[in-house]
Amino acid sequence: MGAWGYGPFESDAAMDFTGGLADRTARDVPGRLRAEMSAVLDRDGYLDGSEVESALAAACLVAARADPSVPIAGSARKYLEELDFIADDELRALAVRVFARAADPSDNEWYALWVDSGALDKAEAALAPYRAALA
């Protein structure tokens, strides 16, 4: 049974991505964040839910680094404290686009699954502080 929750760091894909960053050098972290977000943004066609979950985790790490007042808990907080990267303009712009892409219902399993479960509003509420940090 996999992990899941409304928050951006509560799925297996998000936890795997975030945990994988701990193995990267400080020089590699921005590139890995960029690559994870770009993979979703550059993809044509249907997006798998786990792809969106990983990209959202990357976007939320960028948002939390840009605004330290964003509430981030558990292991994600620990990773953020240990990761050495700057939320530069490029990363911030990609993160904003990832939030918009996740909210696009046209070809997105992440969105469809939350709609089908009747909990899209809870998932979007969990992302709201991160989105606001980049507004």
N, C-alpha and C. Protein backbone atom coordinates (compact mmCIF):
# COMPACT_ATOMS: atom_id res chain seq x y z
N MET A 1 0.85 -1.17 0.00
CA MET A 1 0.00 0.00 0.00
C MET A 1 0.89 1.23 0.00
N GLY A 2 0.62 2.15 -0.88
CA GLY A 2 1.43 3.35 -1.01
C GLY A 2 0.98 4.45 -0.07
N ALA A 3 1.86 5.42 0.03
CA ALA A 3 1.56 6.59 0.85
C ALA A 3 0.76 7.58 0.02
N TRP A 4 -0.13 8.26 0.67
CA TRP A 4 -0.87 9.33 0.00
C TRP A 4 -1.38 10.30 1.06
N GLY A 5 -1.68 11.47 0.62
CA GLY A 5 -2.26 12.49 1.49
C GLY A 5 -2.52 13.73 0.64
N TYR A 6 -3.15 14.68 1.23
CA TYR A 6 -3.51 15.89 0.49
C TYR A 6 -2.31 16.78 0.23
N GLY A 7 -1.33 16.74 1.09
CA GLY A 7 -0.17 17.63 0.98
C GLY A 7 0.78 17.22 -0.13
N PRO A 8 1.61 18.15 -0.56
CA PRO A 8 2.49 17.91 -1.70
C PRO A 8 3.65 16.96 -1.42
N PHE A 9 3.88 16.58 -0.17
CA PHE A 9 4.97 15.68 0.16
C PHE A 9 4.46 14.37 0.76
N GLU A 10 3.19 14.06 0.54
CA GLU A 10 2.57 12.92 1.20
C GLU A 10 2.32 11.72 0.29
N SER A 11 2.90 11.71 -0.90
CA SER A 11 2.75 10.57 -1.80
C SER A 11 4.10 9.87 -1.95
N ASP A 12 4.07 8.64 -2.40
CA ASP A 12 5.31 7.90 -2.62
C ASP A 12 6.21 8.63 -3.62
N ALA A 13 5.64 9.09 -4.71
CA ALA A 13 6.45 9.75 -5.74
C ALA A 13 7.10 11.01 -5.20
N ALA A 14 6.36 11.80 -4.45
CA ALA A 14 6.91 13.03 -3.88
C ALA A 14 7.99 12.73 -2.85
N MET A 15 7.75 11.72 -2.02
CA MET A 15 8.75 11.36 -1.00
C MET A 15 10.00 10.78 -1.64
N ASP A 16 9.83 9.98 -2.69
CA ASP A 16 10.99 9.44 -3.39
C ASP A 16 11.82 10.55 -4.03
N PHE A 17 11.14 11.48 -4.67
CA PHE A 17 11.85 12.59 -5.31
C PHE A 17 12.59 13.43 -4.26
N THR A 18 11.90 13.81 -3.21
CA THR A 18 12.49 14.66 -2.18
C THR A 18 13.65 13.94 -1.49
N GLY A 19 13.45 12.68 -1.16
CA GLY A 19 14.52 11.91 -0.54
C GLY A 19 15.72 11.75 -1.45
N GLY A 20 15.47 11.61 -2.74
CA GLY A 20 16.56 11.49 -3.71
C GLY A 20 17.42 12.73 -3.81
N LEU A 21 16.87 13.86 -3.50
CA LEU A 21 17.65 15.10 -3.53
C LEU A 21 18.74 15.10 -2.47
N ALA A 22 18.52 14.38 -1.38
CA ALA A 22 19.50 14.35 -0.29
C ALA A 22 20.82 13.74 -0.76
N ASP A 23 20.77 12.92 -1.80
CA ASP A 23 21.97 12.28 -2.32
C ASP A 23 22.71 13.16 -3.32
N ARG A 24 22.18 14.31 -3.65
CA ARG A 24 22.77 15.19 -4.65
C ARG A 24 23.72 16.19 -4.00
N THR A 25 24.68 16.62 -4.78
CA THR A 25 25.56 17.68 -4.29
C THR A 25 24.80 19.00 -4.40
N ALA A 26 25.27 19.99 -3.68
CA ALA A 26 24.63 21.31 -3.71
C ALA A 26 24.56 21.85 -5.14
N ARG A 27 25.57 21.53 -5.93
CA ARG A 27 25.59 22.00 -7.32
C ARG A 27 24.52 21.32 -8.17
N ASP A 28 24.14 20.09 -7.81
CA ASP A 28 23.19 19.31 -8.60
C ASP A 28 21.72 19.60 -8.29
N VAL A 29 21.45 20.12 -7.09
CA VAL A 29 20.06 20.26 -6.65
C VAL A 29 19.24 21.17 -7.56
N PRO A 30 19.70 22.37 -7.91
CA PRO A 30 18.86 23.22 -8.79
C PRO A 30 18.56 22.55 -10.13
N GLY A 31 19.54 21.85 -10.68
CA GLY A 31 19.31 21.17 -11.95
C GLY A 31 18.29 20.05 -11.83
N ARG A 32 18.32 19.34 -10.71
CA ARG A 32 17.35 18.26 -10.50
C ARG A 32 15.95 18.81 -10.31
N LEU A 33 15.83 19.91 -9.58
CA LEU A 33 14.53 20.57 -9.42
C LEU A 33 14.02 21.04 -10.78
N ARG A 34 14.89 21.67 -11.53
CA ARG A 34 14.53 22.18 -12.86
C ARG A 34 14.08 21.03 -13.76
N ALA A 35 14.83 19.94 -13.76
CA ALA A 35 14.51 18.79 -14.62
C ALA A 35 13.17 18.17 -14.26
N GLU A 36 12.90 18.05 -12.96
CA GLU A 36 11.64 17.42 -12.52
C GLU A 36 10.43 18.26 -12.94
N MET A 37 10.55 19.56 -12.77
CA MET A 37 9.44 20.44 -13.16
C MET A 37 9.31 20.51 -14.67
N SER A 38 10.43 20.60 -15.38
CA SER A 38 10.39 20.69 -16.84
C SER A 38 9.84 19.43 -17.48
N ALA A 39 10.07 18.28 -16.86
CA ALA A 39 9.56 17.02 -17.42
C ALA A 39 8.04 17.06 -17.57
N VAL A 40 7.37 17.67 -16.62
CA VAL A 40 5.91 17.80 -16.68
C VAL A 40 5.51 18.92 -17.64
N LEU A 41 6.23 20.01 -17.61
CA LEU A 41 5.86 21.16 -18.42
C LEU A 41 6.14 20.94 -19.91
N ASP A 42 7.15 20.16 -20.22
CA ASP A 42 7.52 19.94 -21.62
C ASP A 42 6.82 18.74 -22.25
N ARG A 43 6.07 18.03 -21.46
CA ARG A 43 5.43 16.80 -21.92
C ARG A 43 4.13 17.12 -22.65
N ASP A 44 3.99 16.54 -23.82
CA ASP A 44 2.72 16.61 -24.55
C ASP A 44 1.92 15.37 -24.19
N GLY A 45 0.64 15.54 -24.06
CA GLY A 45 -0.20 14.40 -23.78
C GLY A 45 -0.46 14.19 -22.30
N TYR A 46 -1.02 13.04 -22.01
CA TYR A 46 -1.50 12.70 -20.68
C TYR A 46 -0.36 12.62 -19.67
N LEU A 47 -0.56 13.23 -18.52
CA LEU A 47 0.42 13.20 -17.44
C LEU A 47 0.01 12.18 -16.39
N ASP A 48 0.92 11.30 -16.06
CA ASP A 48 0.71 10.33 -15.00
C ASP A 48 0.68 11.05 -13.66
N GLY A 49 -0.12 10.58 -12.74
CA GLY A 49 -0.25 11.21 -11.44
C GLY A 49 1.06 11.32 -10.69
N SER A 50 1.90 10.29 -10.76
CA SER A 50 3.17 10.33 -10.04
C SER A 50 4.12 11.36 -10.61
N GLU A 51 4.04 11.60 -11.91
CA GLU A 51 4.87 12.66 -12.52
C GLU A 51 4.49 14.02 -11.97
N VAL A 52 3.20 14.26 -11.87
CA VAL A 52 2.72 15.53 -11.35
C VAL A 52 3.07 15.66 -9.86
N GLU A 53 2.94 14.58 -9.12
CA GLU A 53 3.26 14.62 -7.68
C GLU A 53 4.73 15.00 -7.46
N SER A 54 5.63 14.43 -8.25
CA SER A 54 7.06 14.75 -8.12
C SER A 54 7.33 16.20 -8.51
N ALA A 55 6.70 16.64 -9.59
CA ALA A 55 6.89 18.03 -10.03
C ALA A 55 6.33 19.01 -9.00
N LEU A 56 5.20 18.66 -8.41
CA LEU A 56 4.64 19.52 -7.36
C LEU A 56 5.55 19.56 -6.13
N ALA A 57 6.15 18.44 -5.78
CA ALA A 57 7.09 18.42 -4.66
C ALA A 57 8.26 19.36 -4.95
N ALA A 58 8.77 19.31 -6.17
CA ALA A 58 9.87 20.21 -6.55
C ALA A 58 9.42 21.66 -6.48
N ALA A 59 8.24 21.95 -7.01
CA ALA A 59 7.71 23.31 -6.99
C ALA A 59 7.50 23.81 -5.57
N CYS A 60 7.03 22.94 -4.71
CA CYS A 60 6.80 23.33 -3.31
C CYS A 60 8.11 23.55 -2.56
N LEU A 61 9.13 22.79 -2.87
CA LEU A 61 10.44 23.05 -2.27
C LEU A 61 10.96 24.41 -2.69
N VAL A 62 10.79 24.74 -3.95
CA VAL A 62 11.21 26.06 -4.44
C VAL A 62 10.43 27.15 -3.72
N ALA A 63 9.12 26.98 -3.60
CA ALA A 63 8.28 27.99 -2.94
C ALA A 63 8.67 28.15 -1.47
N ALA A 64 8.92 27.02 -0.81
CA ALA A 64 9.29 27.08 0.61
C ALA A 64 10.66 27.72 0.80
N ARG A 65 11.56 27.55 -0.15
CA ARG A 65 12.86 28.21 -0.07
C ARG A 65 12.70 29.71 -0.35
N ALA A 66 11.81 30.05 -1.28
CA ALA A 66 11.58 31.46 -1.61
C ALA A 66 10.94 32.21 -0.46
N ASP A 67 10.09 31.53 0.30
CA ASP A 67 9.39 32.16 1.42
C ASP A 67 9.44 31.22 2.63
N PRO A 68 10.41 31.41 3.52
CA PRO A 68 10.57 30.52 4.66
C PRO A 68 9.37 30.44 5.60
N SER A 69 8.40 31.35 5.47
CA SER A 69 7.23 31.29 6.33
C SER A 69 6.22 30.25 5.88
N VAL A 70 6.42 29.65 4.70
CA VAL A 70 5.50 28.63 4.21
C VAL A 70 5.60 27.41 5.13
N PRO A 71 4.46 26.90 5.58
CA PRO A 71 4.48 25.75 6.49
C PRO A 71 4.85 24.47 5.74
N ILE A 72 5.96 23.89 6.12
CA ILE A 72 6.41 22.64 5.51
C ILE A 72 6.83 21.74 6.67
N ALA A 73 6.32 20.53 6.69
CA ALA A 73 6.49 19.69 7.88
C ALA A 73 7.24 18.40 7.57
N GLY A 74 7.59 17.71 8.62
CA GLY A 74 8.14 16.37 8.54
C GLY A 74 9.46 16.29 7.82
N SER A 75 9.62 15.19 7.08
CA SER A 75 10.90 14.95 6.40
C SER A 75 11.16 16.00 5.32
N ALA A 76 10.13 16.56 4.72
CA ALA A 76 10.34 17.59 3.71
C ALA A 76 11.02 18.81 4.33
N ARG A 77 10.66 19.18 5.54
CA ARG A 77 11.31 20.28 6.24
C ARG A 77 12.79 19.96 6.47
N LYS A 78 13.05 18.73 6.88
CA LYS A 78 14.43 18.30 7.13
C LYS A 78 15.24 18.39 5.84
N TYR A 79 14.69 17.88 4.76
CA TYR A 79 15.41 17.93 3.48
C TYR A 79 15.65 19.37 3.05
N LEU A 80 14.63 20.20 3.17
CA LEU A 80 14.78 21.59 2.76
C LEU A 80 15.90 22.27 3.55
N GLU A 81 15.97 21.99 4.83
CA GLU A 81 17.02 22.59 5.65
C GLU A 81 18.41 22.10 5.24
N GLU A 82 18.50 20.88 4.75
CA GLU A 82 19.80 20.31 4.38
C GLU A 82 20.20 20.62 2.95
N LEU A 83 19.24 20.96 2.09
CA LEU A 83 19.55 21.22 0.68
C LEU A 83 20.07 22.64 0.52
N ASP A 84 21.09 22.76 -0.29
CA ASP A 84 21.70 24.06 -0.53
C ASP A 84 21.34 24.51 -1.95
N PHE A 85 20.34 25.33 -2.07
CA PHE A 85 19.98 25.90 -3.37
C PHE A 85 19.27 27.22 -3.17
N ILE A 86 19.31 28.03 -4.20
CA ILE A 86 18.63 29.32 -4.18
C ILE A 86 17.42 29.22 -5.10
N ALA A 87 16.30 29.72 -4.64
CA ALA A 87 15.09 29.75 -5.46
C ALA A 87 15.18 30.95 -6.40
N ASP A 88 15.98 30.78 -7.46
CA ASP A 88 16.20 31.89 -8.39
C ASP A 88 14.95 32.12 -9.25
N ASP A 89 15.01 33.16 -10.06
CA ASP A 89 13.84 33.53 -10.88
C ASP A 89 13.39 32.40 -11.80
N GLU A 90 14.35 31.68 -12.36
CA GLU A 90 14.00 30.59 -13.27
C GLU A 90 13.26 29.46 -12.54
N LEU A 91 13.77 29.04 -11.40
CA LEU A 91 13.09 28.00 -10.63
C LEU A 91 11.72 28.46 -10.16
N ARG A 92 11.63 29.69 -9.75
CA ARG A 92 10.33 30.22 -9.30
C ARG A 92 9.32 30.23 -10.45
N ALA A 93 9.75 30.65 -11.63
CA ALA A 93 8.86 30.68 -12.80
C ALA A 93 8.40 29.28 -13.17
N LEU A 94 9.32 28.32 -13.14
CA LEU A 94 8.93 26.93 -13.42
C LEU A 94 7.92 26.43 -12.40
N ALA A 95 8.14 26.75 -11.13
CA ALA A 95 7.22 26.31 -10.08
C ALA A 95 5.82 26.87 -10.30
N VAL A 96 5.73 28.14 -10.66
CA VAL A 96 4.43 28.75 -10.93
C VAL A 96 3.73 28.00 -12.07
N ARG A 97 4.48 27.66 -13.10
CA ARG A 97 3.91 26.93 -14.23
C ARG A 97 3.48 25.51 -13.84
N VAL A 98 4.23 24.87 -12.94
CA VAL A 98 3.85 23.53 -12.49
C VAL A 98 2.51 23.57 -11.74
N PHE A 99 2.33 24.58 -10.88
CA PHE A 99 1.05 24.70 -10.17
C PHE A 99 -0.10 24.87 -11.17
N ALA A 100 0.11 25.67 -12.19
CA ALA A 100 -0.93 25.88 -13.21
C ALA A 100 -1.19 24.59 -13.99
N ARG A 101 -0.12 23.87 -14.32
CA ARG A 101 -0.28 22.63 -15.08
C ARG A 101 -1.01 21.57 -14.26
N ALA A 102 -0.72 21.49 -12.98
CA ALA A 102 -1.41 20.53 -12.12
C ALA A 102 -2.90 20.82 -12.04
N ALA A 103 -3.27 22.08 -12.15
CA ALA A 103 -4.67 22.49 -12.07
C ALA A 103 -5.40 22.39 -13.40
N ASP A 104 -4.72 21.93 -14.44
CA ASP A 104 -5.32 21.79 -15.77
C ASP A 104 -6.00 20.42 -15.86
N PRO A 105 -7.31 20.39 -15.99
CA PRO A 105 -8.03 19.10 -15.99
C PRO A 105 -7.97 18.34 -17.30
N SER A 106 -7.41 18.91 -18.34
CA SER A 106 -7.56 18.32 -19.67
C SER A 106 -6.85 16.97 -19.86
N ASP A 107 -5.69 16.78 -19.31
CA ASP A 107 -4.96 15.53 -19.56
C ASP A 107 -3.99 15.23 -18.41
N ASN A 108 -4.57 15.08 -17.24
CA ASN A 108 -3.76 15.08 -16.04
C ASN A 108 -4.36 14.11 -15.02
N GLU A 109 -3.68 13.00 -14.79
CA GLU A 109 -4.20 11.99 -13.87
C GLU A 109 -4.28 12.51 -12.44
N TRP A 110 -3.29 13.31 -12.01
CA TRP A 110 -3.32 13.85 -10.65
C TRP A 110 -4.63 14.59 -10.41
N TYR A 111 -4.99 15.46 -11.32
CA TYR A 111 -6.23 16.24 -11.21
C TYR A 111 -7.44 15.31 -11.23
N ALA A 112 -7.46 14.39 -12.18
CA ALA A 112 -8.61 13.48 -12.33
C ALA A 112 -8.82 12.64 -11.08
N LEU A 113 -7.74 12.14 -10.50
CA LEU A 113 -7.88 11.32 -9.29
C LEU A 113 -8.44 12.11 -8.12
N TRP A 114 -8.01 13.36 -7.97
CA TRP A 114 -8.55 14.18 -6.88
C TRP A 114 -10.02 14.53 -7.13
N VAL A 115 -10.37 14.77 -8.38
CA VAL A 115 -11.78 15.04 -8.70
C VAL A 115 -12.62 13.79 -8.41
N ASP A 116 -12.15 12.64 -8.88
CA ASP A 116 -12.89 11.38 -8.69
C ASP A 116 -13.08 11.05 -7.21
N SER A 117 -12.11 11.42 -6.39
CA SER A 117 -12.21 11.12 -4.95
C SER A 117 -13.05 12.16 -4.21
N GLY A 118 -13.40 13.25 -4.89
CA GLY A 118 -14.16 14.32 -4.26
C GLY A 118 -13.34 15.19 -3.32
N ALA A 119 -12.01 15.15 -3.49
CA ALA A 119 -11.14 15.88 -2.56
C ALA A 119 -10.21 16.87 -3.25
N LEU A 120 -10.56 17.28 -4.46
CA LEU A 120 -9.71 18.26 -5.16
C LEU A 120 -9.54 19.52 -4.34
N ASP A 121 -10.61 19.96 -3.69
CA ASP A 121 -10.51 21.19 -2.89
C ASP A 121 -9.50 21.05 -1.75
N LYS A 122 -9.40 19.86 -1.16
CA LYS A 122 -8.43 19.64 -0.08
C LYS A 122 -7.00 19.62 -0.61
N ALA A 123 -6.80 18.99 -1.75
CA ALA A 123 -5.46 18.96 -2.36
C ALA A 123 -5.04 20.36 -2.77
N GLU A 124 -5.96 21.11 -3.37
CA GLU A 124 -5.64 22.49 -3.77
C GLU A 124 -5.39 23.38 -2.56
N ALA A 125 -6.12 23.16 -1.48
CA ALA A 125 -5.91 23.93 -0.25
C ALA A 125 -4.53 23.66 0.33
N ALA A 126 -4.06 22.41 0.22
CA ALA A 126 -2.73 22.06 0.71
C ALA A 126 -1.65 22.74 -0.11
N LEU A 127 -1.91 23.01 -1.38
CA LEU A 127 -0.95 23.69 -2.24
C LEU A 127 -1.01 25.21 -2.13
N ALA A 128 -2.11 25.72 -1.61
CA ALA A 128 -2.33 27.18 -1.61
C ALA A 128 -1.21 27.99 -0.96
N PRO A 129 -0.66 27.61 0.18
CA PRO A 129 0.42 28.42 0.76
C PRO A 129 1.66 28.48 -0.13
N TYR A 130 1.93 27.40 -0.83
CA TYR A 130 3.09 27.36 -1.73
C TYR A 130 2.86 28.25 -2.94
N ARG A 131 1.66 28.16 -3.50
CA ARG A 131 1.33 29.02 -4.64
C ARG A 131 1.39 30.49 -4.24
N ALA A 132 0.86 30.80 -3.06
CA ALA A 132 0.86 32.18 -2.58
C ALA A 132 2.28 32.70 -2.39
N ALA A 133 3.18 31.83 -1.98
CA ALA A 133 4.57 32.25 -1.77
C ALA A 133 5.24 32.71 -3.05
N LEU A 134 4.73 32.24 -4.18
CA LEU A 134 5.33 32.60 -5.46
C LEU A 134 4.52 33.64 -6.23
N ALA A 135 3.41 34.05 -5.66
CA ALA A 135 2.54 35.03 -6.35
C ALA A 135 3.16 36.41 -6.36
